[in-house]
Amino acid sequence: MRRLAERLAQFAEESGDEVTVVFDGRPFELDTAPVDVRFAPRRGRNAADDEIARMVGVDPAPAGITVVTSDRELVDRVRAGGAQVESSRSFLNSIRSVS
């Protein structure tokens, strides 16, 4: 989690994109500004996915959100909520090219 958050922070700084990451598990301190690091408010199966879908659902402009995932169920949920989707593989390739 720490390495991913640090890499996302580097990407956010270099690209200027606003980045939020949602993790499953017990919260702990991650100082990875400018990335907004969140932990799913509950534990269990799909906890982070549920939080991501909730965040898309309450955003006043979900079309401006791109969710990075390769989870087909989450893809369907966030697209139904109006968000864009980028595959994990495509995103990984794009963050490699920014460095």
C-alpha atoms as a PDB file:
ATOM      1  CA  MET A   1       0.000   0.000   0.000  1.00  0.00           C
ATOM      2  CA  ARG A   2       2.766   2.381   0.929  1.00  0.00           C
ATOM      3  CA  ARG A   3       4.680   1.809  -2.328  1.00  0.00           C
ATOM      4  CA  LEU A   4       1.549   2.241  -4.423  1.00  0.00           C
ATOM      5  CA  ALA A   5       0.593   5.439  -2.603  1.00  0.00           C
ATOM      6  CA  GLU A   6       4.111   6.812  -3.041  1.00  0.00           C
ATOM      7  CA  ARG A   7       4.071   5.992  -6.751  1.00  0.00           C
ATOM      8  CA  LEU A   8       0.658   7.598  -7.126  1.00  0.00           C
ATOM      9  CA  ALA A   9       1.953  10.701  -5.349  1.00  0.00           C
ATOM     10  CA  GLN A  10       4.820  10.913  -7.807  1.00  0.00           C
ATOM     11  CA  PHE A  11       2.370  10.511 -10.695  1.00  0.00           C
ATOM     12  CA  ALA A  12       0.037  13.189  -9.269  1.00  0.00           C
ATOM     13  CA  GLU A  13       2.894  15.650  -8.815  1.00  0.00           C
ATOM     14  CA  GLU A  14       4.242  15.075 -12.316  1.00  0.00           C
ATOM     15  CA  SER A  15       0.901  14.997 -14.118  1.00  0.00           C
ATOM     16  CA  GLY A  16      -1.048  17.541 -12.087  1.00  0.00           C
ATOM     17  CA  ASP A  17      -3.947  15.076 -11.859  1.00  0.00           C
ATOM     18  CA  GLU A  18      -6.010  14.833  -8.695  1.00  0.00           C
ATOM     19  CA  VAL A  19      -5.604  11.292  -7.315  1.00  0.00           C
ATOM     20  CA  THR A  20      -7.526   9.394  -4.660  1.00  0.00           C
ATOM     21  CA  VAL A  21      -6.790   5.798  -3.687  1.00  0.00           C
ATOM     22  CA  VAL A  22      -9.082   3.622  -1.583  1.00  0.00           C
ATOM     23  CA  PHE A  23      -7.606   0.690   0.315  1.00  0.00           C
ATOM     24  CA  ASP A  24      -9.157  -2.221   2.164  1.00  0.00           C
ATOM     25  CA  GLY A  25      -7.860  -3.015   5.608  1.00  0.00           C
ATOM     26  CA  ARG A  26      -7.066  -1.276   8.845  1.00  0.00           C
ATOM     27  CA  PRO A  27      -6.207   2.407   8.370  1.00  0.00           C
ATOM     28  CA  PHE A  28      -2.693   3.618   9.063  1.00  0.00           C
ATOM     29  CA  GLU A  29      -0.870   6.866   8.412  1.00  0.00           C
ATOM     30  CA  LEU A  30       0.383   7.412   4.880  1.00  0.00           C
ATOM     31  CA  ASP A  31       1.995  10.764   4.154  1.00  0.00           C
ATOM     32  CA  THR A  32       1.687  10.789   0.382  1.00  0.00           C
ATOM     33  CA  ALA A  33       0.499  14.286  -0.449  1.00  0.00           C
ATOM     34  CA  PRO A  34      -0.989  15.262  -2.834  1.00  0.00           C
ATOM     35  CA  VAL A  35      -2.754  11.874  -3.024  1.00  0.00           C
ATOM     36  CA  ASP A  36      -5.967  11.563  -1.027  1.00  0.00           C
ATOM     37  CA  VAL A  37      -5.531   8.178   0.708  1.00  0.00           C
ATOM     38  CA  ARG A  38      -8.697   6.633   2.090  1.00  0.00           C
ATOM     39  CA  PHE A  39      -9.542   3.336   3.708  1.00  0.00           C
ATOM     40  CA  ALA A  40     -12.845   1.580   3.219  1.00  0.00           C
ATOM     41  CA  PRO A  41     -15.065   2.365   6.208  1.00  0.00           C
ATOM     42  CA  ARG A  42     -15.931  -1.293   6.674  1.00  0.00           C
ATOM     43  CA  ARG A  43     -14.070  -4.545   6.301  1.00  0.00           C
ATOM     44  CA  GLY A  44     -14.962  -7.488   4.151  1.00  0.00           C
ATOM     45  CA  ARG A  45     -15.429  -8.493   0.566  1.00  0.00           C
ATOM     46  CA  ASN A  46     -15.648  -5.580  -1.867  1.00  0.00           C
ATOM     47  CA  ALA A  47     -15.322  -2.985   0.905  1.00  0.00           C
ATOM     48  CA  ALA A  48     -13.066  -0.689  -1.135  1.00  0.00           C
ATOM     49  CA  ASP A  49     -15.130  -1.278  -4.272  1.00  0.00           C
ATOM     50  CA  ASP A  50     -18.284  -0.318  -2.394  1.00  0.00           C
ATOM     51  CA  GLU A  51     -16.609   2.863  -1.144  1.00  0.00           C
ATOM     52  CA  ILE A  52     -15.424   3.772  -4.642  1.00  0.00           C
ATOM     53  CA  ALA A  53     -18.914   3.224  -6.059  1.00  0.00           C
ATOM     54  CA  ARG A  54     -20.369   5.327  -3.225  1.00  0.00           C
ATOM     55  CA  MET A  55     -17.910   8.142  -3.916  1.00  0.00           C
ATOM     56  CA  VAL A  56     -18.862   8.144  -7.588  1.00  0.00           C
ATOM     57  CA  GLY A  57     -22.539   8.099  -6.653  1.00  0.00           C
ATOM     58  CA  VAL A  58     -22.356  11.180  -4.446  1.00  0.00           C
ATOM     59  CA  ASP A  59     -20.073  13.241  -6.673  1.00  0.00           C
ATOM     60  CA  PRO A  60     -21.950  16.092  -8.382  1.00  0.00           C
ATOM     61  CA  ALA A  61     -19.872  15.632 -11.563  1.00  0.00           C
ATOM     62  CA  PRO A  62     -19.099  11.896 -11.876  1.00  0.00           C
ATOM     63  CA  ALA A  63     -18.231  12.231 -15.566  1.00  0.00           C
ATOM     64  CA  GLY A  64     -15.030  13.951 -14.443  1.00  0.00           C
ATOM     65  CA  ILE A  65     -13.947  10.902 -12.432  1.00  0.00           C
ATOM     66  CA  THR A  66     -11.805   8.128 -13.876  1.00  0.00           C
ATOM     67  CA  VAL A  67     -11.737   4.936 -11.839  1.00  0.00           C
ATOM     68  CA  VAL A  68      -8.741   2.689 -12.394  1.00  0.00           C
ATOM     69  CA  THR A  69      -9.721  -0.963 -12.032  1.00  0.00           C
ATOM     70  CA  SER A  70      -9.764  -4.257 -13.847  1.00  0.00           C
ATOM     71  CA  ASP A  71     -12.605  -5.605 -11.707  1.00  0.00           C
ATOM     72  CA  ARG A  72     -15.509  -6.135 -14.125  1.00  0.00           C
ATOM     73  CA  GLU A  73     -18.194  -5.700 -11.454  1.00  0.00           C
ATOM     74  CA  LEU A  74     -16.709  -2.405 -10.275  1.00  0.00           C
ATOM     75  CA  VAL A  75     -16.363  -1.263 -13.893  1.00  0.00           C
ATOM     76  CA  ASP A  76     -20.093  -1.811 -14.402  1.00  0.00           C
ATOM     77  CA  ARG A  77     -21.012  -0.094 -11.142  1.00  0.00           C
ATOM     78  CA  VAL A  78     -18.989   3.068 -11.664  1.00  0.00           C
ATOM     79  CA  ARG A  79     -19.921   3.375 -15.333  1.00  0.00           C
ATOM     80  CA  ALA A  80     -23.585   3.148 -14.298  1.00  0.00           C
ATOM     81  CA  GLY A  81     -22.831   5.992 -11.878  1.00  0.00           C
ATOM     82  CA  GLY A  82     -21.427   8.130 -14.690  1.00  0.00           C
ATOM     83  CA  ALA A  83     -17.662   7.720 -14.150  1.00  0.00           C
ATOM     84  CA  GLN A  84     -15.060   6.860 -16.738  1.00  0.00           C
ATOM     85  CA  VAL A  85     -12.922   3.730 -16.372  1.00  0.00           C
ATOM     86  CA  GLU A  86      -9.306   3.003 -17.202  1.00  0.00           C
ATOM     87  CA  SER A  87      -7.916  -0.501 -16.917  1.00  0.00           C
ATOM     88  CA  SER A  88      -5.202  -1.123 -14.368  1.00  0.00           C
ATOM     89  CA  ARG A  89      -2.825  -2.220 -17.116  1.00  0.00           C
ATOM     90  CA  SER A  90      -3.411   0.922 -19.160  1.00  0.00           C
ATOM     91  CA  PHE A  91      -2.903   3.117 -16.101  1.00  0.00           C
ATOM     92  CA  LEU A  92       0.279   1.292 -15.129  1.00  0.00           C
ATOM     93  CA  ASN A  93       1.631   1.926 -18.620  1.00  0.00           C
ATOM     94  CA  SER A  94       0.703   5.602 -18.389  1.00  0.00           C
ATOM     95  CA  ILE A  95       2.396   6.143 -15.025  1.00  0.00           C
ATOM     96  CA  ARG A  96       5.510   4.452 -16.331  1.00  0.00           C
ATOM     97  CA  SER A  97       5.591   6.909 -19.225  1.00  0.00           C
ATOM     98  CA  VAL A  98       5.291   9.939 -16.904  1.00  0.00           C
ATOM     99  CA  SER A  99       8.387   9.012 -14.922  1.00  0.00           C
END
